[in-house]
Amino acid sequence: QKSGASAAAAAAAVGPPSDRQKRLFYLERSHWSCRYGDEFFTTRVNSRKTFDRAPAPPDDGVGGNTTATTTSSTNESRKMGGKRNHPACYYEIEIRRGNFEPKIVLRRYSQFRWLYDEVTRSPPQSSSRAGSVGEGDNEGLSFPPKTCGWLFFCSPDADGDDARQNELDLFLENVLKRPGYVEHPAVVTFLNLGDLL
C-alpha cells in the first residue's frame, strides 16, 4: 500500500501534460489530501436523490451559490445517452480538488453504464509501466448489475439502493485509478472535467 506522498509522486511521474491541456491526477480517497495541489483530485458517490424532472444546470456564479457546483446539463445528458424519463434517481458525485470547494455532479445509473460502455469500447493506451493490470485494457473492470426494478428506485430504506451506490462508487474509483483513464473523453464528459483541463 503506497503512502499518500508516494502515490502523488507516482501519479505525477506518469508523463508530461499534453500541449493543449492541463494534466489531472486521480488519487484514491485514502491517499488524497488538498496539500497536493489543484492537479490532484478524488471522488466519492455521496448520496442519491429522486428528481421529478432533470436537475437544472449549474448556476453561472452570478448572484448564486459559488461554493459548490451541481452539474447535469441537457447537453451532457445527450452526450452520455441513457434514459431520460422521470422521476429518476440521480447519484451525487463529489469531486474534491486542491483547496477548492467540492464540485457536485449528478448522474443516473444509465449514465454510469454509458461510461462503462465507452471506456470498454475504446480503452486509453497507457505509456507507463507496460504490463501492469488494467493498463491499455479493461481487465478486472466490471459494472454493477441493475437492481429489482422501478418499484425500488431511490427508496431510502432499500438495501439494494445502498449496495448499488457503493458499487457505483467502487466502479468509478476502479476506472479513475487506471493510468490514462482520467483523460479519456468519456470520463471528462461524465465528471464534467473539461473546465479543469
Protein backbone atom coordinates (compact mmCIF):
# COMPACT_ATOMS: atom_id res chain seq x y z
CA GLN A 1 0.00 0.00 0.00
CA LYS A 2 1.54 3.30 -1.08
CA SER A 3 1.64 6.28 1.22
CA GLY A 4 -0.19 9.41 0.09
CA ALA A 5 3.06 11.23 -0.78
CA SER A 6 4.43 8.33 -2.82
CA ALA A 7 1.04 7.89 -4.58
CA ALA A 8 1.10 11.58 -5.54
CA ALA A 9 4.70 11.31 -6.76
CA ALA A 10 3.86 8.21 -8.80
CA ALA A 11 0.83 9.93 -10.32
CA ALA A 12 2.92 12.98 -11.25
CA ALA A 13 5.55 10.77 -12.90
CA VAL A 14 3.07 9.19 -15.34
CA GLY A 15 4.02 11.51 -18.17
CA PRO A 16 4.18 15.04 -19.50
CA PRO A 17 0.99 17.07 -19.94
CA SER A 18 -0.22 17.48 -23.49
CA ASP A 19 0.30 20.78 -25.26
CA ARG A 20 -3.40 21.56 -25.23
CA GLN A 21 -4.49 20.73 -21.70
CA LYS A 22 -3.55 20.68 -18.07
CA ARG A 23 -2.86 17.26 -16.57
CA LEU A 24 -5.10 15.94 -13.77
CA PHE A 25 -4.26 13.04 -11.47
CA TYR A 26 -6.72 10.91 -9.54
CA LEU A 27 -5.87 9.76 -6.03
CA GLU A 28 -7.93 7.29 -4.05
CA ARG A 29 -9.65 8.93 -1.09
CA SER A 30 -7.31 7.20 1.36
CA HIS A 31 -4.33 8.91 -0.33
CA TRP A 32 -5.83 12.26 -1.32
CA SER A 33 -5.12 15.50 0.50
CA CYS A 34 -5.67 19.11 -0.52
CA ARG A 35 -1.97 19.74 0.17
CA TYR A 36 -1.07 18.00 -3.12
CA GLY A 37 -2.39 20.93 -5.15
CA ASP A 38 -5.09 21.54 -7.72
CA GLU A 39 -3.83 18.99 -10.26
CA PHE A 40 -4.87 16.15 -7.90
CA PHE A 41 -8.47 15.16 -7.26
CA THR A 42 -10.60 12.46 -5.72
CA THR A 43 -14.27 11.46 -5.98
CA ARG A 44 -16.99 9.93 -3.85
CA VAL A 45 -20.53 8.89 -4.70
CA ASN A 46 -22.11 10.56 -1.66
CA SER A 47 -25.82 10.09 -1.95
CA ARG A 48 -28.76 9.63 -4.29
CA LYS A 49 -31.77 11.81 -4.93
CA THR A 50 -35.01 11.39 -6.83
CA PHE A 51 -35.97 14.14 -9.28
CA ASP A 52 -39.33 14.57 -10.98
CA ARG A 53 -37.52 16.17 -13.94
CA ALA A 54 -33.90 16.61 -14.99
CA PRO A 55 -31.89 18.67 -12.49
CA ALA A 56 -31.22 22.26 -13.52
CA PRO A 57 -27.83 23.15 -15.00
CA PRO A 58 -25.37 24.82 -12.62
CA ASP A 59 -25.61 28.47 -11.67
CA ASP A 60 -23.05 30.57 -13.52
CA GLY A 61 -21.91 32.09 -10.23
CA VAL A 62 -23.65 35.41 -10.76
CA GLY A 63 -25.72 36.05 -7.67
CA GLY A 64 -25.80 32.36 -6.79
CA ASN A 65 -24.04 29.87 -4.59
CA THR A 66 -20.45 29.61 -5.83
CA THR A 67 -19.21 27.22 -3.13
CA ALA A 68 -20.40 24.07 -4.88
CA THR A 69 -21.36 23.35 -8.45
CA THR A 70 -24.14 20.94 -9.39
CA THR A 71 -23.81 19.70 -12.95
CA SER A 72 -26.17 17.69 -15.09
CA SER A 73 -26.85 19.87 -18.11
CA THR A 74 -29.01 18.86 -21.03
CA ASN A 75 -26.03 18.84 -23.43
CA GLU A 76 -24.04 16.50 -21.18
CA SER A 77 -27.03 14.19 -20.78
CA ARG A 78 -27.43 14.00 -24.55
CA LYS A 79 -23.73 13.17 -24.98
CA MET A 80 -23.98 10.43 -22.38
CA GLY A 81 -27.20 8.97 -23.68
CA GLY A 82 -29.07 6.69 -21.34
CA LYS A 83 -32.62 7.04 -20.12
CA ARG A 84 -34.31 10.41 -19.88
CA ASN A 85 -37.65 9.55 -18.28
CA HIS A 86 -38.58 10.89 -14.84
CA PRO A 87 -38.98 10.57 -11.94
CA ALA A 88 -35.46 9.21 -11.75
CA CYS A 89 -32.73 8.54 -9.25
CA TYR A 90 -29.53 10.58 -9.57
CA TYR A 91 -26.31 9.81 -7.73
CA GLU A 92 -24.40 12.75 -6.28
CA ILE A 93 -20.69 12.55 -7.11
CA GLU A 94 -18.47 14.84 -5.06
CA ILE A 95 -15.22 15.88 -6.75
CA ARG A 96 -12.54 17.33 -4.46
CA ARG A 97 -9.57 19.12 -5.96
CA GLY A 98 -6.84 21.00 -4.12
CA ASN A 99 -8.16 23.70 -1.80
CA PHE A 100 -11.22 24.34 -3.98
CA GLU A 101 -14.74 23.83 -2.72
CA PRO A 102 -16.18 20.44 -3.73
CA LYS A 103 -17.83 20.20 -7.11
CA ILE A 104 -21.02 18.12 -7.25
CA VAL A 105 -22.07 16.21 -10.37
CA LEU A 106 -25.41 14.37 -10.63
CA ARG A 107 -25.52 11.20 -12.73
CA ARG A 108 -28.08 8.46 -13.36
CA TYR A 109 -27.34 4.74 -13.32
CA SER A 110 -27.73 4.68 -17.12
CA GLN A 111 -25.06 7.38 -17.40
CA PHE A 112 -22.66 5.29 -15.29
CA ARG A 113 -23.45 2.47 -17.72
CA TRP A 114 -22.65 4.78 -20.64
CA LEU A 115 -19.25 5.49 -19.04
CA TYR A 116 -18.56 1.77 -18.68
CA ASP A 117 -19.57 1.10 -22.30
CA GLU A 118 -17.35 3.93 -23.60
CA VAL A 119 -14.19 3.00 -21.68
CA THR A 120 -14.56 -0.69 -22.50
CA ARG A 121 -15.21 0.07 -26.18
CA SER A 122 -12.12 2.27 -26.50
CA PRO A 123 -9.72 1.97 -23.56
CA PRO A 124 -6.89 4.50 -23.45
CA GLN A 125 -3.41 3.37 -24.38
CA SER A 126 -1.15 3.90 -21.39
CA SER A 127 2.51 4.73 -21.90
CA SER A 128 3.61 3.97 -18.34
CA ARG A 129 4.73 0.70 -16.71
CA ALA A 130 3.63 -1.61 -19.50
CA GLY A 131 2.31 -4.88 -18.24
CA SER A 132 0.51 -3.63 -15.15
CA VAL A 133 -3.00 -4.93 -14.62
CA GLY A 134 -5.63 -2.82 -16.33
CA GLU A 135 -3.32 -0.67 -18.44
CA GLY A 136 -4.44 -0.23 -22.01
CA ASP A 137 -7.25 -2.71 -21.47
CA ASN A 138 -10.20 -3.27 -19.20
CA GLU A 139 -9.02 -6.33 -17.29
CA GLY A 140 -10.86 -6.51 -13.98
CA LEU A 141 -13.31 -3.71 -14.86
CA SER A 142 -16.88 -4.73 -14.11
CA PHE A 143 -20.17 -2.88 -13.83
CA PRO A 144 -22.82 -3.25 -11.09
CA PRO A 145 -25.97 -5.04 -12.27
CA LYS A 146 -29.41 -3.48 -12.29
CA THR A 147 -31.45 -3.90 -9.12
CA CYS A 148 -35.00 -5.19 -8.72
CA GLY A 149 -36.68 -2.60 -10.91
CA TRP A 150 -38.53 0.68 -10.91
CA LEU A 151 -40.55 -0.05 -7.76
CA PHE A 152 -37.44 0.23 -5.61
CA PHE A 153 -35.54 3.16 -7.08
CA CYS A 154 -34.16 5.61 -4.52
CA SER A 155 -36.24 4.31 -1.66
CA PRO A 156 -34.32 5.32 1.46
CA ASP A 157 -34.79 2.00 3.23
CA ALA A 158 -33.95 -0.28 0.30
CA ASP A 159 -30.73 -2.18 0.96
CA GLY A 160 -30.32 -2.64 -2.78
CA ASP A 161 -30.06 1.10 -3.35
CA ASP A 162 -27.29 1.45 -0.75
CA ALA A 163 -25.46 -1.50 -2.25
CA ARG A 164 -25.79 -0.07 -5.76
CA GLN A 165 -24.50 3.33 -4.61
CA ASN A 166 -21.45 1.67 -3.03
CA GLU A 167 -20.88 -0.47 -6.13
CA LEU A 168 -21.06 2.58 -8.40
CA ASP A 169 -18.56 4.36 -6.14
CA LEU A 170 -16.18 1.37 -6.40
CA PHE A 171 -16.70 1.17 -10.17
CA LEU A 172 -15.84 4.87 -10.60
CA GLU A 173 -12.76 4.52 -8.39
CA ASN A 174 -11.67 1.46 -10.40
CA VAL A 175 -11.95 3.42 -13.66
CA LEU A 176 -10.16 6.53 -12.38
CA LYS A 177 -7.20 4.80 -10.78
CA ARG A 178 -6.21 3.17 -14.07
CA PRO A 179 -3.41 5.02 -15.88
CA GLY A 180 -4.69 7.11 -18.78
CA TYR A 181 -8.39 6.86 -17.92
CA VAL A 182 -8.72 10.30 -16.27
CA GLU A 183 -8.14 11.92 -19.67
CA HIS A 184 -10.49 9.57 -21.57
CA PRO A 185 -13.11 11.77 -23.32
CA ALA A 186 -15.95 9.78 -21.70
CA VAL A 187 -14.51 10.32 -18.21
CA VAL A 188 -14.02 14.06 -18.91
CA THR A 189 -17.66 14.30 -20.01
CA PHE A 190 -19.04 12.13 -17.21
CA LEU A 191 -17.29 14.09 -14.43
CA ASN A 192 -17.51 17.41 -16.27
CA LEU A 193 -13.73 17.83 -16.03
CA GLY A 194 -13.46 19.96 -19.16
CA ASP A 195 -13.30 23.18 -17.14
CA LEU A 196 -10.38 21.78 -15.11
CA LEU A 197 -8.22 20.76 -18.10
